[in-house]
Amino acid sequence: MVMGVTQAAGLSLRWFRDQFGSAAAGHNDSYERLTAEAAKAPPGSDGLLWTPYLMGERTPYLDPTARAMLVGVTASHTRAHIIRAILEGVAFSLRDTFTIFQEIEVPVKTIRLGGGGARSPLWRQIQADIYGQQVDTVEAEEGAAYGAAILAGVGAKAWPSVDAACDAVVRVAGSTTPNSADTLAMEKAYAVYRRIYPAMKSILR
């Protein structure tokens, strides 16, 4: 099995909500409200970039000393820009995994999303635009538990193999296609994003 991990994917948005949310002002900063606010900012967040290294990182750097950074802040940026930059930064980090797959010649034919982040239409669209590829959303939200149940079923001989079990029970709920103009903007932003980690290491080492 080949895999990549972003340590603080969903945690990035949760960290922002818990530390900088507006609960003190009487608002309920649900994830739905945060992503609705992020939708007010344009793709690329007007040059604002987030690296989601709140807990170090595993892919592609395997570096426990990596640190999160919010880069390019200007007086014109709003809370919406910051939230969108966080969503985009997580997707940029996940794209790093696909870059490694390409380097070791592991083809990525389909991309499927699951879990809490997959509930957000905006985050799904951001991922499709950053990957430049259609993303499918699976019906089962609890991926780890669902996968464990599938493995148990194979172990109990309910299906002859994991592939057969997945073919039988894994369902796609919907698909999101990339927007060509936004994909171009994301490609330029990703090139800048890739320069942040080396710069951060030169500063913090």
Protein backbone atom coordinates (compact mmCIF):
# COMPACT_ATOMS: atom_id res chain seq x y z
CA MET A 1 0.00 0.00 0.00
CA VAL A 2 1.21 3.51 -0.87
CA MET A 3 -0.19 6.35 1.18
CA GLY A 4 0.32 9.98 2.13
CA VAL A 5 -0.86 11.85 5.19
CA THR A 6 -1.59 15.48 6.02
CA GLN A 7 -1.33 15.58 9.79
CA ALA A 8 -3.58 18.59 10.35
CA ALA A 9 -6.11 18.46 7.51
CA GLY A 10 -9.46 18.84 9.29
CA LEU A 11 -7.59 20.02 12.36
CA SER A 12 -6.53 23.21 10.53
CA LEU A 13 -10.13 24.42 10.22
CA ARG A 14 -10.97 23.24 13.73
CA TRP A 15 -7.94 25.12 15.11
CA PHE A 16 -9.08 28.32 13.41
CA ARG A 17 -12.63 27.89 14.67
CA ASP A 18 -11.58 27.18 18.25
CA GLN A 19 -8.95 29.91 18.46
CA PHE A 20 -10.41 32.69 16.32
CA GLY A 21 -14.10 31.90 16.00
CA SER A 22 -16.81 34.36 16.91
CA ALA A 23 -18.53 32.32 19.63
CA ALA A 24 -17.72 35.09 22.07
CA ALA A 25 -19.86 37.42 19.98
CA GLY A 26 -22.83 35.09 20.20
CA HIS A 27 -22.38 33.41 16.81
CA ASN A 28 -22.28 29.72 16.16
CA ASP A 29 -19.15 29.14 14.08
CA SER A 30 -20.23 25.85 12.57
CA TYR A 31 -18.10 24.43 9.79
CA GLU A 32 -20.95 25.19 7.40
CA ARG A 33 -20.89 28.83 8.44
CA LEU A 34 -17.12 29.01 8.09
CA THR A 35 -17.10 27.52 4.60
CA ALA A 36 -19.99 29.79 3.55
CA GLU A 37 -17.85 32.72 4.66
CA ALA A 38 -14.83 31.34 2.80
CA ALA A 39 -16.89 31.22 -0.40
CA LYS A 40 -16.90 35.04 -0.39
CA ALA A 41 -13.15 35.06 -1.12
CA PRO A 42 -11.89 34.29 -4.64
CA PRO A 43 -9.94 31.18 -5.66
CA GLY A 44 -6.34 31.67 -4.63
CA SER A 45 -7.42 33.81 -1.66
CA ASP A 46 -5.86 36.90 -3.28
CA GLY A 47 -2.36 35.54 -2.72
CA LEU A 48 -2.85 34.35 0.87
CA LEU A 49 -1.36 30.91 1.55
CA TRP A 50 -1.56 28.47 4.47
CA THR A 51 0.75 25.54 5.19
CA PRO A 52 -1.12 23.10 7.49
CA TYR A 53 1.87 21.96 9.52
CA LEU A 54 0.32 22.46 12.97
CA MET A 55 1.69 19.11 14.15
CA GLY A 56 4.77 18.79 12.00
CA GLU A 57 4.24 16.84 8.79
CA ARG A 58 4.54 13.36 7.33
CA THR A 59 3.96 13.90 3.60
CA PRO A 60 6.03 14.89 1.73
CA TYR A 61 8.62 16.05 4.27
CA LEU A 62 8.49 13.62 7.23
CA ASP A 63 9.47 16.49 9.50
CA PRO A 64 8.17 16.85 13.09
CA THR A 65 9.67 20.35 13.26
CA ALA A 66 7.66 21.70 10.30
CA ARG A 67 5.41 24.58 11.33
CA ALA A 68 2.20 26.05 9.98
CA MET A 69 2.49 29.41 8.27
CA LEU A 70 0.04 32.01 6.99
CA VAL A 71 1.93 33.76 4.21
CA GLY A 72 1.17 36.93 2.28
CA VAL A 73 -1.21 38.72 4.65
CA THR A 74 -2.18 42.26 3.61
CA ALA A 75 -4.53 44.87 5.03
CA SER A 76 -7.08 43.99 2.35
CA HIS A 77 -7.41 40.36 3.44
CA THR A 78 -10.50 39.44 5.43
CA ARG A 79 -11.49 36.55 7.67
CA ALA A 80 -13.05 34.96 4.58
CA HIS A 81 -9.67 35.01 2.85
CA ILE A 82 -8.01 33.33 5.82
CA ILE A 83 -10.61 30.56 6.02
CA ARG A 84 -10.41 29.93 2.28
CA ALA A 85 -6.60 29.92 2.42
CA ILE A 86 -6.81 27.22 5.10
CA LEU A 87 -9.09 25.09 2.91
CA GLU A 88 -6.80 25.60 -0.07
CA GLY A 89 -3.64 24.94 1.97
CA VAL A 90 -4.92 21.57 3.13
CA ALA A 91 -5.70 20.64 -0.49
CA PHE A 92 -2.24 21.82 -1.59
CA SER A 93 -0.74 19.56 1.08
CA LEU A 94 -2.80 16.62 -0.15
CA ARG A 95 -1.71 17.38 -3.71
CA ASP A 96 1.87 16.90 -2.53
CA THR A 97 0.96 13.24 -2.08
CA PHE A 98 -0.11 12.96 -5.71
CA THR A 99 3.16 14.57 -6.75
CA ILE A 100 5.05 11.80 -4.94
CA PHE A 101 2.83 9.16 -6.54
CA GLN A 102 3.78 10.56 -9.96
CA GLU A 103 7.48 10.45 -9.10
CA ILE A 104 7.29 6.76 -8.18
CA GLU A 105 5.00 6.02 -11.15
CA VAL A 106 1.91 5.09 -9.16
CA PRO A 107 -1.07 6.13 -11.31
CA VAL A 108 -3.96 8.00 -9.71
CA LYS A 109 -7.01 7.17 -11.81
CA THR A 110 -9.78 8.25 -9.45
CA ILE A 111 -9.97 10.47 -6.35
CA ARG A 112 -12.60 9.79 -3.71
CA LEU A 113 -13.43 12.00 -0.77
CA GLY A 114 -14.91 10.94 2.56
CA GLY A 115 -15.24 12.20 6.10
CA GLY A 116 -16.35 15.53 7.47
CA GLY A 117 -14.49 17.69 4.96
CA ALA A 118 -16.28 15.98 2.08
CA ARG A 119 -19.58 17.43 3.28
CA SER A 120 -18.55 20.90 2.14
CA PRO A 121 -19.36 21.69 -1.51
CA LEU A 122 -16.75 24.46 -1.44
CA TRP A 123 -14.00 22.23 -0.09
CA ARG A 124 -14.87 19.56 -2.68
CA GLN A 125 -14.66 22.17 -5.44
CA ILE A 126 -11.37 23.52 -4.11
CA GLN A 127 -9.91 20.01 -4.18
CA ALA A 128 -11.13 19.33 -7.71
CA ASP A 129 -9.62 22.63 -8.88
CA ILE A 130 -6.29 22.06 -7.11
CA TYR A 131 -5.95 18.46 -8.30
CA GLY A 132 -7.20 19.39 -11.77
CA GLN A 133 -9.25 16.23 -11.70
CA GLN A 134 -12.80 15.11 -10.91
CA VAL A 135 -13.34 14.09 -7.30
CA ASP A 136 -16.02 11.63 -6.20
CA THR A 137 -17.73 11.73 -2.82
CA VAL A 138 -18.47 8.37 -1.21
CA GLU A 139 -21.72 7.72 0.63
CA ALA A 140 -20.10 6.40 3.81
CA GLU A 141 -18.77 9.28 5.91
CA GLU A 142 -16.99 7.19 8.53
CA GLY A 143 -14.25 5.85 6.28
CA ALA A 144 -12.08 4.14 8.90
CA ALA A 145 -14.97 2.33 10.60
CA TYR A 146 -16.52 1.42 7.25
CA GLY A 147 -13.20 0.05 6.02
CA ALA A 148 -12.79 -2.00 9.19
CA ALA A 149 -16.27 -3.47 8.67
CA ILE A 150 -15.38 -4.38 5.08
CA LEU A 151 -12.20 -6.12 6.22
CA ALA A 152 -14.15 -7.99 8.88
CA GLY A 153 -16.64 -9.11 6.23
CA VAL A 154 -13.83 -10.41 4.04
CA GLY A 155 -12.35 -12.21 7.06
CA ALA A 156 -15.73 -13.79 7.75
CA LYS A 157 -15.88 -14.97 4.09
CA ALA A 158 -18.82 -12.72 3.21
CA TRP A 159 -16.79 -11.67 0.15
CA PRO A 160 -13.87 -13.46 -1.48
CA SER A 161 -11.57 -10.43 -1.50
CA VAL A 162 -11.29 -6.80 -0.41
CA ASP A 163 -11.72 -5.68 -4.03
CA ALA A 164 -14.91 -7.71 -4.34
CA ALA A 165 -16.24 -6.30 -1.07
CA CYS A 166 -15.52 -2.73 -2.15
CA ASP A 167 -17.19 -3.32 -5.51
CA ALA A 168 -20.25 -4.60 -3.66
CA VAL A 169 -20.70 -1.98 -0.95
CA VAL A 170 -18.76 1.22 -1.68
CA ARG A 171 -21.04 3.74 -3.37
CA VAL A 172 -20.33 7.15 -4.89
CA ALA A 173 -22.83 9.80 -3.81
CA GLY A 174 -21.74 12.48 -6.27
CA SER A 175 -18.93 13.99 -8.30
CA THR A 176 -17.31 17.42 -8.54
CA THR A 177 -15.53 18.52 -11.70
CA PRO A 178 -12.75 21.12 -11.81
CA ASN A 179 -13.31 24.63 -13.14
CA SER A 180 -10.65 25.24 -15.79
CA ALA A 181 -10.08 28.91 -14.95
CA ASP A 182 -9.82 28.19 -11.23
CA THR A 183 -7.52 25.22 -11.88
CA LEU A 184 -5.12 27.57 -13.67
CA ALA A 185 -5.16 29.98 -10.70
CA MET A 186 -4.60 27.10 -8.29
CA GLU A 187 -1.67 25.82 -10.36
CA LYS A 188 0.08 29.18 -9.99
CA ALA A 189 -0.69 29.32 -6.27
CA TYR A 190 0.59 25.78 -5.75
CA ALA A 191 3.93 26.69 -7.33
CA VAL A 192 4.31 29.42 -4.70
CA TYR A 193 3.07 27.12 -1.92
CA ARG A 194 5.84 24.64 -2.72
CA ARG A 195 8.44 27.32 -1.96
CA ILE A 196 7.20 28.00 1.58
CA TYR A 197 8.51 24.89 3.35
CA PRO A 198 12.15 25.33 2.23
CA ALA A 199 11.98 29.00 3.24
CA MET A 200 10.47 28.10 6.62
CA LYS A 201 13.23 25.56 7.26
CA SER A 202 15.92 28.14 6.50
CA ILE A 203 14.34 30.53 9.03
CA LEU A 204 13.55 28.13 11.87
CA ARG A 205 16.45 25.67 11.77
